[in-house]
Protein backbone atom coordinates (compact mmCIF):
# COMPACT_ATOMS: atom_id res chain seq x y z
CA TYR A 1 -1.84 3.42 -12.94
CA GLU A 2 0.11 5.02 -15.77
CA LEU A 3 2.17 7.91 -14.37
CA LEU A 4 1.95 10.88 -16.74
CA GLU A 5 3.48 13.92 -15.07
CA LEU A 6 5.27 14.83 -11.86
CA LEU A 7 3.11 17.24 -9.86
CA GLY A 8 5.24 17.65 -6.75
CA LYS A 9 7.48 16.19 -4.08
CA GLY A 10 6.97 16.38 -0.34
CA GLY A 11 8.16 14.80 2.86
CA MET A 12 5.90 11.76 2.63
CA GLY A 13 6.25 11.13 -1.09
CA THR A 14 5.87 12.18 -4.69
CA VAL A 15 2.61 13.05 -6.46
CA TYR A 16 1.95 12.36 -10.12
CA ARG A 17 -0.87 13.03 -12.54
CA ALA A 18 -1.80 9.54 -13.70
CA LYS A 19 -4.28 7.59 -15.78
CA THR A 20 -6.35 4.66 -14.52
CA PRO A 21 -6.73 1.54 -16.68
CA ALA A 22 -10.22 2.89 -17.54
CA GLY A 23 -8.67 6.16 -18.77
CA ALA A 24 -9.69 8.49 -15.92
CA ILE A 25 -7.17 11.11 -14.79
CA VAL A 26 -6.22 10.90 -11.10
CA ALA A 27 -3.44 12.05 -8.79
CA VAL A 28 -1.22 9.31 -7.35
CA LYS A 29 0.96 9.84 -4.28
CA ILE A 30 3.80 7.34 -3.98
CA LEU A 31 5.22 6.90 -0.50
CA ALA A 32 8.87 7.97 -0.37
CA PRO A 33 11.17 4.93 -0.65
CA HIS A 34 13.04 5.79 2.57
CA LEU A 35 9.73 5.54 4.46
CA THR A 36 8.56 2.19 3.10
CA GLY A 37 10.94 0.26 5.36
CA ASN A 38 9.54 1.91 8.48
CA ASP A 39 6.66 -0.33 9.59
CA ILE A 40 5.08 2.39 11.74
CA LEU A 41 5.10 5.06 9.01
CA ARG A 42 3.95 2.62 6.33
CA SER A 43 1.09 1.46 8.58
CA ARG A 44 0.13 5.08 9.28
CA PHE A 45 0.11 5.76 5.50
CA TYR A 46 -2.37 2.91 4.95
CA LEU A 47 -4.51 3.75 7.96
CA GLU A 48 -4.79 7.41 6.99
CA ALA A 49 -5.46 6.49 3.35
CA LYS A 50 -8.30 4.15 4.36
CA LEU A 51 -9.79 6.80 6.65
CA ALA A 52 -9.52 9.35 3.84
CA MET A 53 -11.33 6.99 1.48
CA GLY A 54 -14.34 7.23 3.80
CA LEU A 55 -14.42 11.04 3.77
CA GLU A 56 -16.89 12.84 1.57
CA HIS A 57 -16.81 16.62 1.64
CA PRO A 58 -16.74 19.27 -1.11
CA ASN A 59 -13.50 20.75 0.30
CA ILE A 60 -11.60 17.46 0.60
CA VAL A 61 -9.82 15.70 -2.25
CA ARG A 62 -11.49 12.31 -2.65
CA ALA A 63 -9.22 9.32 -1.97
CA ILE A 64 -9.93 6.51 -4.44
CA ASP A 65 -7.51 3.63 -3.91
CA VAL A 66 -4.52 2.58 -1.82
CA GLY A 67 -2.14 -0.27 -2.42
CA GLU A 68 1.26 -1.53 -3.44
CA ASP A 69 2.68 -2.15 -6.89
CA ASN A 70 6.27 -3.28 -7.48
CA ALA A 71 7.20 -2.40 -3.87
CA ARG A 72 5.80 1.13 -4.33
CA HIS A 73 3.07 2.07 -1.87
CA TYR A 74 0.56 4.47 -3.39
CA LEU A 75 -2.61 6.45 -2.76
CA ALA A 76 -4.77 7.35 -5.76
CA MET A 77 -6.88 10.49 -5.38
CA GLU A 78 -9.23 12.69 -7.32
CA PHE A 79 -7.25 14.96 -9.67
CA ILE A 80 -7.86 18.65 -8.98
CA ASP A 81 -7.52 20.82 -12.07
CA GLY A 82 -6.16 23.97 -10.52
CA GLU A 83 -3.21 25.08 -8.46
CA SER A 84 -1.95 25.32 -4.91
CA VAL A 85 -2.43 28.49 -2.89
CA ASN A 86 1.37 28.68 -2.71
CA LYS A 87 1.69 28.80 -6.53
CA ARG A 88 -1.04 31.42 -6.76
CA ILE A 89 0.67 33.62 -4.15
CA ALA A 90 4.02 33.20 -5.96
CA ARG A 91 2.38 34.28 -9.23
CA GLU A 92 0.06 37.06 -8.00
CA GLY A 93 1.36 38.12 -4.60
CA ALA A 94 -0.80 38.38 -1.50
CA LEU A 95 -4.37 37.16 -1.93
CA PRO A 96 -7.15 39.73 -1.81
CA GLU A 97 -8.84 39.58 1.59
CA PRO A 98 -12.16 38.12 0.30
CA ASP A 99 -10.28 35.30 -1.48
CA ALA A 100 -8.13 34.58 1.59
CA ILE A 101 -11.23 34.42 3.81
CA LYS A 102 -13.05 32.14 1.35
CA ILE A 103 -10.07 29.76 1.26
CA ALA A 104 -9.57 29.84 5.05
CA VAL A 105 -13.24 29.00 5.65
CA ALA A 106 -13.12 26.13 3.13
CA VAL A 107 -9.99 24.73 4.79
CA ALA A 108 -11.55 25.05 8.25
CA ARG A 109 -14.67 23.17 7.10
CA ALA A 110 -12.54 20.43 5.54
CA LEU A 111 -10.42 20.05 8.68
CA ASP A 112 -13.53 19.98 10.87
CA LYS A 113 -14.96 17.15 8.76
CA ALA A 114 -11.68 15.22 8.80
CA HIS A 115 -11.30 15.63 12.57
CA SER A 116 -14.88 14.49 13.14
CA GLU A 117 -13.93 11.25 11.33
CA GLY A 118 -10.75 10.77 13.37
CA LEU A 119 -8.30 11.99 10.72
CA VAL A 120 -5.68 14.65 11.46
CA HIS A 121 -3.98 16.38 8.53
CA ARG A 122 -0.34 16.60 9.55
CA ASP A 123 0.81 19.03 6.90
CA VAL A 124 -1.58 21.95 6.40
CA LYS A 125 0.28 24.56 4.34
CA PRO A 126 -0.29 26.65 1.19
CA ASP A 127 1.35 23.94 -0.98
CA ASN A 128 -1.32 21.45 0.17
CA ILE A 129 -4.33 23.72 -0.30
CA LEU A 130 -5.64 23.39 -3.84
CA VAL A 131 -7.94 25.82 -5.61
CA THR A 132 -9.82 24.63 -8.69
CA LYS A 133 -9.75 26.73 -11.86
CA ALA A 134 -13.38 27.59 -11.06
CA GLY A 135 -12.27 29.01 -7.69
């Protein structure tokens, strides 16, 4: 993957907008270097990535690939052209009630699907909830 732009940093790693060898735009999360030496956390990263690759739901970012390149452990995902709920709130203030309800329902449906497949999202927060430009 060719890393194009830093999208954000979090506790588990850094996310970039990237390009596949075929030219498709994706998001790539690289596991934080201080976590790669922890066998338990690295194993959890791979297990959760493989479970995520089996999830198909309109409210869940599609996981595409997981692996290691030059000692960097990564997860490639569908790129969402939009913004986080946190950025929207920072820009516009509190969400109108209908928008907040629509987002909350979408998140609940996504979490229900993930839980039904044995996957628990450990970091649900406005920074990790993405809204496409189409809403």
